[in-house]
Amino acid sequence: MDRRNFLISSVATAAIATTCSSANAIEGSSHLPPKNLVYTKVNTGDWESKKGSHLPKIELTDGKVRISTKHNQSDDHYIVRHTLLLSDGTRFGSTTFSPEDTPVSEYTLPADYKGSIFATSFCNQHDLWLAEATV
């Protein structure tokens, strides 16, 4: 794993492990990550106007997870990576993008998995965004 991927995965896992003590931690009020560290639907920090194009969308269908980010890709501004984490902070999958790629990734969950999943979308200019869904 290269340094960039290690740092991205580490930040995402640390943010979830230290701030998400329950399934409601992301949408709740008191357990949110600090402002301007990890951005969520309710904690947009300095980037409120960027929420629609940076917050990852999670779609669940028959044990499959599709993560998409509605973000235009260009050489100087693009989504670098999606990461999928399970409720215990385990990194289940990740996809790295280039400026030419469409930021969409797909994963198949273990057949018996139930619980929260967390998706991150990392923008090279607007940082790390986090969304949650329940399987």
N, C-alpha and C. Protein backbone atom coordinates (compact mmCIF):
# COMPACT_ATOMS: atom_id res chain seq x y z
N MET A 1 0.86 -1.18 0.00
CA MET A 1 0.00 0.00 0.00
C MET A 1 0.90 1.23 0.00
N ASP A 2 0.66 2.15 -0.92
CA ASP A 2 1.49 3.35 -0.96
C ASP A 2 1.10 4.32 0.14
N ARG A 3 1.92 5.32 0.37
CA ARG A 3 1.73 6.27 1.47
C ARG A 3 0.39 6.99 1.38
N ARG A 4 0.01 7.43 0.20
CA ARG A 4 -1.25 8.17 0.01
C ARG A 4 -2.44 7.30 0.41
N ASN A 5 -2.49 6.07 -0.08
CA ASN A 5 -3.59 5.17 0.26
C ASN A 5 -3.60 4.84 1.74
N PHE A 6 -2.43 4.66 2.32
CA PHE A 6 -2.34 4.38 3.75
C PHE A 6 -2.91 5.54 4.56
N LEU A 7 -2.53 6.77 4.22
CA LEU A 7 -3.02 7.93 4.95
C LEU A 7 -4.53 8.09 4.82
N ILE A 8 -5.05 7.93 3.63
CA ILE A 8 -6.49 8.06 3.42
C ILE A 8 -7.25 7.01 4.22
N SER A 9 -6.81 5.76 4.13
CA SER A 9 -7.48 4.69 4.87
C SER A 9 -7.36 4.90 6.37
N SER A 10 -6.21 5.35 6.82
CA SER A 10 -6.00 5.58 8.25
C SER A 10 -6.90 6.67 8.80
N VAL A 11 -7.01 7.77 8.07
CA VAL A 11 -7.87 8.86 8.52
C VAL A 11 -9.32 8.40 8.57
N ALA A 12 -9.77 7.71 7.55
CA ALA A 12 -11.15 7.24 7.51
C ALA A 12 -11.44 6.29 8.66
N THR A 13 -10.57 5.33 8.86
CA THR A 13 -10.78 4.35 9.91
C THR A 13 -10.71 5.00 11.28
N ALA A 14 -9.75 5.89 11.49
CA ALA A 14 -9.63 6.58 12.78
C ALA A 14 -10.85 7.44 13.06
N ALA A 15 -11.33 8.12 12.06
CA ALA A 15 -12.52 8.97 12.25
C ALA A 15 -13.71 8.14 12.68
N ILE A 16 -13.92 7.02 12.04
CA ILE A 16 -15.06 6.18 12.40
C ILE A 16 -14.85 5.55 13.77
N ALA A 17 -13.66 5.04 14.01
CA ALA A 17 -13.41 4.35 15.27
C ALA A 17 -13.52 5.28 16.47
N THR A 18 -13.12 6.53 16.32
CA THR A 18 -13.12 7.44 17.46
C THR A 18 -14.38 8.26 17.61
N THR A 19 -15.19 8.34 16.57
CA THR A 19 -16.36 9.21 16.67
C THR A 19 -17.69 8.51 16.55
N CYS A 20 -17.72 7.28 16.12
CA CYS A 20 -18.99 6.60 15.85
C CYS A 20 -19.24 5.52 16.88
N SER A 21 -19.79 5.91 18.01
CA SER A 21 -20.04 4.92 19.06
C SER A 21 -21.38 4.23 18.91
N SER A 22 -22.21 4.72 17.98
CA SER A 22 -23.49 4.06 17.72
C SER A 22 -23.87 4.26 16.27
N ALA A 23 -24.90 3.58 15.82
CA ALA A 23 -25.35 3.72 14.44
C ALA A 23 -25.83 5.12 14.14
N ASN A 24 -26.19 5.89 15.16
CA ASN A 24 -26.69 7.25 14.96
C ASN A 24 -25.59 8.30 15.07
N ALA A 25 -24.36 7.90 15.21
CA ALA A 25 -23.29 8.86 15.47
C ALA A 25 -23.12 9.89 14.37
N ILE A 26 -23.27 9.49 13.13
CA ILE A 26 -23.05 10.44 12.04
C ILE A 26 -24.18 11.44 11.95
N GLU A 27 -25.41 10.99 12.07
CA GLU A 27 -26.55 11.90 11.96
C GLU A 27 -26.92 12.52 13.30
N GLY A 28 -26.37 12.00 14.40
CA GLY A 28 -26.65 12.55 15.71
C GLY A 28 -25.93 13.88 15.90
N SER A 29 -26.03 14.44 17.09
CA SER A 29 -25.46 15.77 17.26
C SER A 29 -24.16 15.81 18.04
N SER A 30 -24.01 15.00 19.07
CA SER A 30 -22.86 15.17 19.95
C SER A 30 -21.66 14.30 19.59
N HIS A 31 -21.80 13.33 18.70
CA HIS A 31 -20.70 12.42 18.40
C HIS A 31 -20.11 12.66 17.02
N LEU A 32 -20.33 13.83 16.47
CA LEU A 32 -19.80 14.11 15.14
C LEU A 32 -18.30 14.34 15.20
N PRO A 33 -17.62 14.05 14.09
CA PRO A 33 -16.20 14.39 14.04
C PRO A 33 -16.03 15.90 14.19
N PRO A 34 -14.88 16.36 14.64
CA PRO A 34 -14.66 17.80 14.77
C PRO A 34 -14.87 18.51 13.43
N LYS A 35 -15.35 19.73 13.50
CA LYS A 35 -15.54 20.54 12.29
C LYS A 35 -14.25 20.57 11.49
N ASN A 36 -14.39 20.43 10.18
CA ASN A 36 -13.28 20.51 9.22
C ASN A 36 -12.27 19.37 9.31
N LEU A 37 -12.68 18.21 9.86
CA LEU A 37 -11.83 17.02 9.84
C LEU A 37 -12.42 15.98 8.89
N VAL A 38 -13.66 15.61 9.14
CA VAL A 38 -14.40 14.69 8.29
C VAL A 38 -15.76 15.33 8.07
N TYR A 39 -16.21 15.40 6.84
CA TYR A 39 -17.46 16.07 6.52
C TYR A 39 -18.58 15.06 6.31
N THR A 40 -19.77 15.40 6.78
CA THR A 40 -20.94 14.55 6.67
C THR A 40 -22.12 15.40 6.20
N LYS A 41 -23.25 14.75 6.05
CA LYS A 41 -24.47 15.45 5.64
C LYS A 41 -24.81 16.60 6.59
N VAL A 42 -24.61 16.38 7.88
CA VAL A 42 -24.94 17.42 8.87
C VAL A 42 -23.73 18.20 9.37
N ASN A 43 -22.55 17.75 9.06
CA ASN A 43 -21.33 18.42 9.50
C ASN A 43 -20.50 18.77 8.26
N THR A 44 -20.90 19.83 7.57
CA THR A 44 -20.23 20.21 6.32
C THR A 44 -19.07 21.17 6.53
N GLY A 45 -18.85 21.58 7.75
CA GLY A 45 -17.74 22.48 8.04
C GLY A 45 -17.76 23.69 7.13
N ASP A 46 -16.63 23.96 6.52
CA ASP A 46 -16.50 25.11 5.62
C ASP A 46 -17.07 24.84 4.23
N TRP A 47 -17.56 23.63 3.99
CA TRP A 47 -17.92 23.22 2.63
C TRP A 47 -19.42 22.98 2.42
N GLU A 48 -20.29 23.71 3.07
CA GLU A 48 -21.74 23.50 2.92
C GLU A 48 -22.16 23.47 1.45
N SER A 49 -21.62 24.35 0.65
CA SER A 49 -22.01 24.41 -0.76
C SER A 49 -21.48 23.23 -1.58
N LYS A 50 -20.59 22.44 -1.01
CA LYS A 50 -19.99 21.30 -1.72
C LYS A 50 -20.67 19.97 -1.39
N LYS A 51 -21.60 19.98 -0.45
CA LYS A 51 -22.23 18.74 0.01
C LYS A 51 -22.82 17.91 -1.14
N GLY A 52 -23.56 18.53 -2.02
CA GLY A 52 -24.23 17.80 -3.10
C GLY A 52 -23.28 17.12 -4.06
N SER A 53 -22.08 17.65 -4.23
CA SER A 53 -21.14 17.07 -5.18
C SER A 53 -20.00 16.29 -4.53
N HIS A 54 -19.97 16.21 -3.21
CA HIS A 54 -18.88 15.52 -2.53
C HIS A 54 -19.32 14.41 -1.59
N LEU A 55 -20.52 14.50 -1.04
CA LEU A 55 -21.02 13.48 -0.13
C LEU A 55 -21.28 12.19 -0.91
N PRO A 56 -20.69 11.08 -0.49
CA PRO A 56 -20.93 9.83 -1.23
C PRO A 56 -22.37 9.36 -1.05
N LYS A 57 -22.93 8.81 -2.10
CA LYS A 57 -24.27 8.22 -2.07
C LYS A 57 -24.09 6.72 -1.99
N ILE A 58 -24.81 6.09 -1.07
CA ILE A 58 -24.75 4.64 -0.88
C ILE A 58 -26.05 4.03 -1.36
N GLU A 59 -25.94 3.04 -2.26
CA GLU A 59 -27.11 2.29 -2.71
C GLU A 59 -26.88 0.82 -2.37
N LEU A 60 -27.90 0.20 -1.76
CA LEU A 60 -27.82 -1.20 -1.36
C LEU A 60 -28.83 -2.01 -2.16
N THR A 61 -28.35 -3.08 -2.82
CA THR A 61 -29.22 -3.95 -3.59
C THR A 61 -28.70 -5.38 -3.48
N ASP A 62 -29.49 -6.26 -2.85
CA ASP A 62 -29.16 -7.69 -2.79
C ASP A 62 -27.73 -7.96 -2.34
N GLY A 63 -27.30 -7.35 -1.25
CA GLY A 63 -25.96 -7.59 -0.72
C GLY A 63 -24.85 -6.87 -1.45
N LYS A 64 -25.20 -6.06 -2.41
CA LYS A 64 -24.21 -5.28 -3.15
C LYS A 64 -24.30 -3.82 -2.73
N VAL A 65 -23.16 -3.18 -2.65
CA VAL A 65 -23.07 -1.77 -2.28
C VAL A 65 -22.51 -1.00 -3.47
N ARG A 66 -23.21 0.05 -3.85
CA ARG A 66 -22.74 0.94 -4.91
C ARG A 66 -22.54 2.31 -4.28
N ILE A 67 -21.32 2.83 -4.40
CA ILE A 67 -21.00 4.17 -3.89
C ILE A 67 -20.77 5.07 -5.10
N SER A 68 -21.43 6.21 -5.09
CA SER A 68 -21.22 7.17 -6.18
C SER A 68 -21.08 8.56 -5.59
N THR A 69 -20.32 9.38 -6.27
CA THR A 69 -20.16 10.78 -5.89
C THR A 69 -20.44 11.62 -7.12
N LYS A 70 -21.41 12.53 -7.01
CA LYS A 70 -21.79 13.39 -8.14
C LYS A 70 -20.78 14.52 -8.27
N HIS A 71 -19.64 14.22 -8.81
CA HIS A 71 -18.54 15.17 -8.86
C HIS A 71 -17.95 15.17 -10.26
N ASN A 72 -17.84 16.32 -10.87
CA ASN A 72 -17.14 16.42 -12.14
C ASN A 72 -15.66 16.19 -11.90
N GLN A 73 -15.04 15.46 -12.80
CA GLN A 73 -13.63 15.13 -12.66
C GLN A 73 -12.80 15.96 -13.64
N SER A 74 -11.75 16.58 -13.13
CA SER A 74 -10.81 17.31 -13.99
C SER A 74 -9.41 17.08 -13.45
N ASP A 75 -8.40 17.44 -14.21
CA ASP A 75 -7.02 17.20 -13.79
C ASP A 75 -6.68 17.86 -12.46
N ASP A 76 -7.28 19.00 -12.17
CA ASP A 76 -6.91 19.70 -10.95
C ASP A 76 -7.94 19.60 -9.83
N HIS A 77 -9.09 18.93 -10.07
CA HIS A 77 -10.12 18.79 -9.04
C HIS A 77 -10.91 17.51 -9.31
N TYR A 78 -10.72 16.52 -8.43
CA TYR A 78 -11.38 15.24 -8.67
C TYR A 78 -11.49 14.41 -7.40
N ILE A 79 -12.39 13.43 -7.45
CA ILE A 79 -12.51 12.46 -6.36
C ILE A 79 -11.38 11.45 -6.53
N VAL A 80 -10.58 11.32 -5.50
CA VAL A 80 -9.40 10.47 -5.52
C VAL A 80 -9.73 9.03 -5.15
N ARG A 81 -10.66 8.87 -4.18
CA ARG A 81 -10.85 7.52 -3.64
C ARG A 81 -12.19 7.37 -2.95
N HIS A 82 -12.75 6.18 -3.07
CA HIS A 82 -13.87 5.71 -2.25
C HIS A 82 -13.33 4.62 -1.34
N THR A 83 -13.80 4.58 -0.12
CA THR A 83 -13.48 3.51 0.81
C THR A 83 -14.77 3.05 1.47
N LEU A 84 -14.94 1.74 1.61
CA LEU A 84 -16.09 1.16 2.29
C LEU A 84 -15.59 0.51 3.57
N LEU A 85 -16.20 0.91 4.70
CA LEU A 85 -15.84 0.37 6.00
C LEU A 85 -17.05 -0.28 6.65
N LEU A 86 -16.79 -1.35 7.39
CA LEU A 86 -17.85 -2.01 8.15
C LEU A 86 -17.99 -1.31 9.51
N SER A 87 -19.01 -1.66 10.27
CA SER A 87 -19.30 -0.95 11.51
C SER A 87 -18.16 -1.01 12.53
N ASP A 88 -17.32 -2.04 12.48
CA ASP A 88 -16.21 -2.14 13.43
C ASP A 88 -14.96 -1.41 12.94
N GLY A 89 -15.06 -0.69 11.82
CA GLY A 89 -13.92 0.05 11.29
C GLY A 89 -13.08 -0.73 10.29
N THR A 90 -13.43 -1.98 10.04
CA THR A 90 -12.69 -2.78 9.06
C THR A 90 -12.86 -2.19 7.67
N ARG A 91 -11.73 -1.97 7.00
CA ARG A 91 -11.80 -1.49 5.62
C ARG A 91 -12.16 -2.68 4.75
N PHE A 92 -13.36 -2.63 4.17
CA PHE A 92 -13.86 -3.75 3.39
C PHE A 92 -13.45 -3.65 1.93
N GLY A 93 -13.31 -2.45 1.43
CA GLY A 93 -12.91 -2.26 0.04
C GLY A 93 -12.58 -0.80 -0.23
N SER A 94 -11.86 -0.59 -1.32
CA SER A 94 -11.54 0.78 -1.72
C SER A 94 -11.27 0.81 -3.21
N THR A 95 -11.52 1.96 -3.79
CA THR A 95 -11.28 2.18 -5.21
C THR A 95 -10.61 3.53 -5.36
N THR A 96 -9.50 3.57 -6.08
CA THR A 96 -8.80 4.81 -6.33
C THR A 96 -9.11 5.26 -7.75
N PHE A 97 -9.35 6.56 -7.91
CA PHE A 97 -9.74 7.12 -9.20
C PHE A 97 -8.68 8.07 -9.73
N SER A 98 -8.65 8.20 -11.04
CA SER A 98 -7.84 9.23 -11.70
C SER A 98 -8.82 10.30 -12.18
N PRO A 99 -8.31 11.44 -12.63
CA PRO A 99 -9.22 12.49 -13.10
C PRO A 99 -10.11 12.06 -14.27
N GLU A 100 -9.72 11.04 -15.00
CA GLU A 100 -10.50 10.57 -16.14
C GLU A 100 -11.63 9.62 -15.75
N ASP A 101 -11.63 9.13 -14.52
CA ASP A 101 -12.60 8.14 -14.07
C ASP A 101 -13.90 8.78 -13.58
N THR A 102 -14.97 8.01 -13.64
CA THR A 102 -16.23 8.39 -13.01
C THR A 102 -16.20 7.84 -11.59
N PRO A 103 -16.45 8.66 -10.57
CA PRO A 103 -16.33 8.18 -9.18
C PRO A 103 -17.51 7.32 -8.74
N VAL A 104 -17.48 6.07 -9.19
CA VAL A 104 -18.47 5.06 -8.83
C VAL A 104 -17.71 3.78 -8.50
N SER A 105 -18.07 3.16 -7.39
CA SER A 105 -17.42 1.91 -7.00
C SER A 105 -18.49 0.94 -6.51
N GLU A 106 -18.21 -0.37 -6.64
CA GLU A 106 -19.17 -1.39 -6.24
C GLU A 106 -18.45 -2.49 -5.45
N TYR A 107 -19.16 -3.00 -4.45
CA TYR A 107 -18.62 -4.03 -3.57
C TYR A 107 -19.73 -5.02 -3.23
N THR A 108 -19.36 -6.26 -2.94
CA THR A 108 -20.31 -7.27 -2.50
C THR A 108 -20.02 -7.58 -1.03
N LEU A 109 -21.01 -7.36 -0.18
CA LEU A 109 -20.84 -7.59 1.26
C LEU A 109 -20.87 -9.09 1.55
N PRO A 110 -20.31 -9.50 2.68
CA PRO A 110 -20.45 -10.90 3.10
C PRO A 110 -21.93 -11.24 3.23
N ALA A 111 -22.30 -12.45 2.90
CA ALA A 111 -23.71 -12.87 2.85
C ALA A 111 -24.45 -12.64 4.17
N ASP A 112 -23.78 -12.79 5.28
CA ASP A 112 -24.44 -12.69 6.58
C ASP A 112 -24.27 -11.32 7.24
N TYR A 113 -23.72 -10.34 6.53
CA TYR A 113 -23.44 -9.06 7.17
C TYR A 113 -24.72 -8.27 7.44
N LYS A 114 -24.83 -7.81 8.67
CA LYS A 114 -25.91 -6.91 9.09
C LYS A 114 -25.28 -5.82 9.94
N GLY A 115 -25.73 -4.61 9.75
CA GLY A 115 -25.22 -3.50 10.56
C GLY A 115 -24.94 -2.29 9.71
N SER A 116 -24.20 -1.37 10.29
CA SER A 116 -23.86 -0.14 9.59
C SER A 116 -22.71 -0.37 8.62
N ILE A 117 -22.72 0.42 7.57
CA ILE A 117 -21.56 0.52 6.67
C ILE A 117 -21.29 2.01 6.50
N PHE A 118 -20.03 2.33 6.24
CA PHE A 118 -19.61 3.71 6.07
C PHE A 118 -18.88 3.84 4.75
N ALA A 119 -19.22 4.86 3.99
CA ALA A 119 -18.56 5.12 2.73
C ALA A 119 -17.87 6.47 2.82
N THR A 120 -16.64 6.52 2.32
CA THR A 120 -15.93 7.78 2.25
C THR A 120 -15.69 8.15 0.80
N SER A 121 -15.63 9.44 0.58
CA SER A 121 -15.31 10.01 -0.72
C SER A 121 -14.25 11.08 -0.45
N PHE A 122 -13.08 10.91 -1.02
CA PHE A 122 -11.99 11.84 -0.76
C PHE A 122 -11.73 12.70 -1.99
N CYS A 123 -11.88 14.01 -1.83
CA CYS A 123 -11.64 14.97 -2.91
C CYS A 123 -10.27 15.60 -2.71
N ASN A 124 -9.55 15.79 -3.79
CA ASN A 124 -8.21 16.35 -3.66
C ASN A 124 -8.22 17.83 -3.24
N GLN A 125 -9.38 18.49 -3.31
CA GLN A 125 -9.46 19.89 -2.86
C GLN A 125 -10.40 20.10 -1.67
N HIS A 126 -11.37 19.22 -1.48
CA HIS A 126 -12.38 19.44 -0.45
C HIS A 126 -12.45 18.30 0.56
N ASP A 127 -11.37 17.57 0.69
CA ASP A 127 -11.15 16.67 1.80
C ASP A 127 -12.03 15.42 1.84
N LEU A 128 -12.23 14.87 3.03
CA LEU A 128 -12.85 13.57 3.25
C LEU A 128 -14.31 13.71 3.67
N TRP A 129 -15.20 13.04 2.93
CA TRP A 129 -16.63 13.06 3.18
C TRP A 129 -17.08 11.66 3.57
N LEU A 130 -18.03 11.57 4.50
CA LEU A 130 -18.44 10.30 5.08
C LEU A 130 -19.96 10.18 5.09
N ALA A 131 -20.47 9.03 4.65
CA ALA A 131 -21.90 8.73 4.71
C ALA A 131 -22.08 7.35 5.35
N GLU A 132 -23.28 7.13 5.89
CA GLU A 132 -23.58 5.88 6.58
C GLU A 132 -24.88 5.30 6.04
N ALA A 133 -24.95 3.97 6.03
CA ALA A 133 -26.17 3.26 5.69
C ALA A 133 -26.25 2.03 6.58
N THR A 134 -27.43 1.48 6.70
CA THR A 134 -27.64 0.27 7.51
C THR A 134 -28.10 -0.86 6.60
N VAL A 135 -27.45 -1.99 6.76
CA VAL A 135 -27.78 -3.19 5.98
C VAL A 135 -28.71 -4.04 6.79
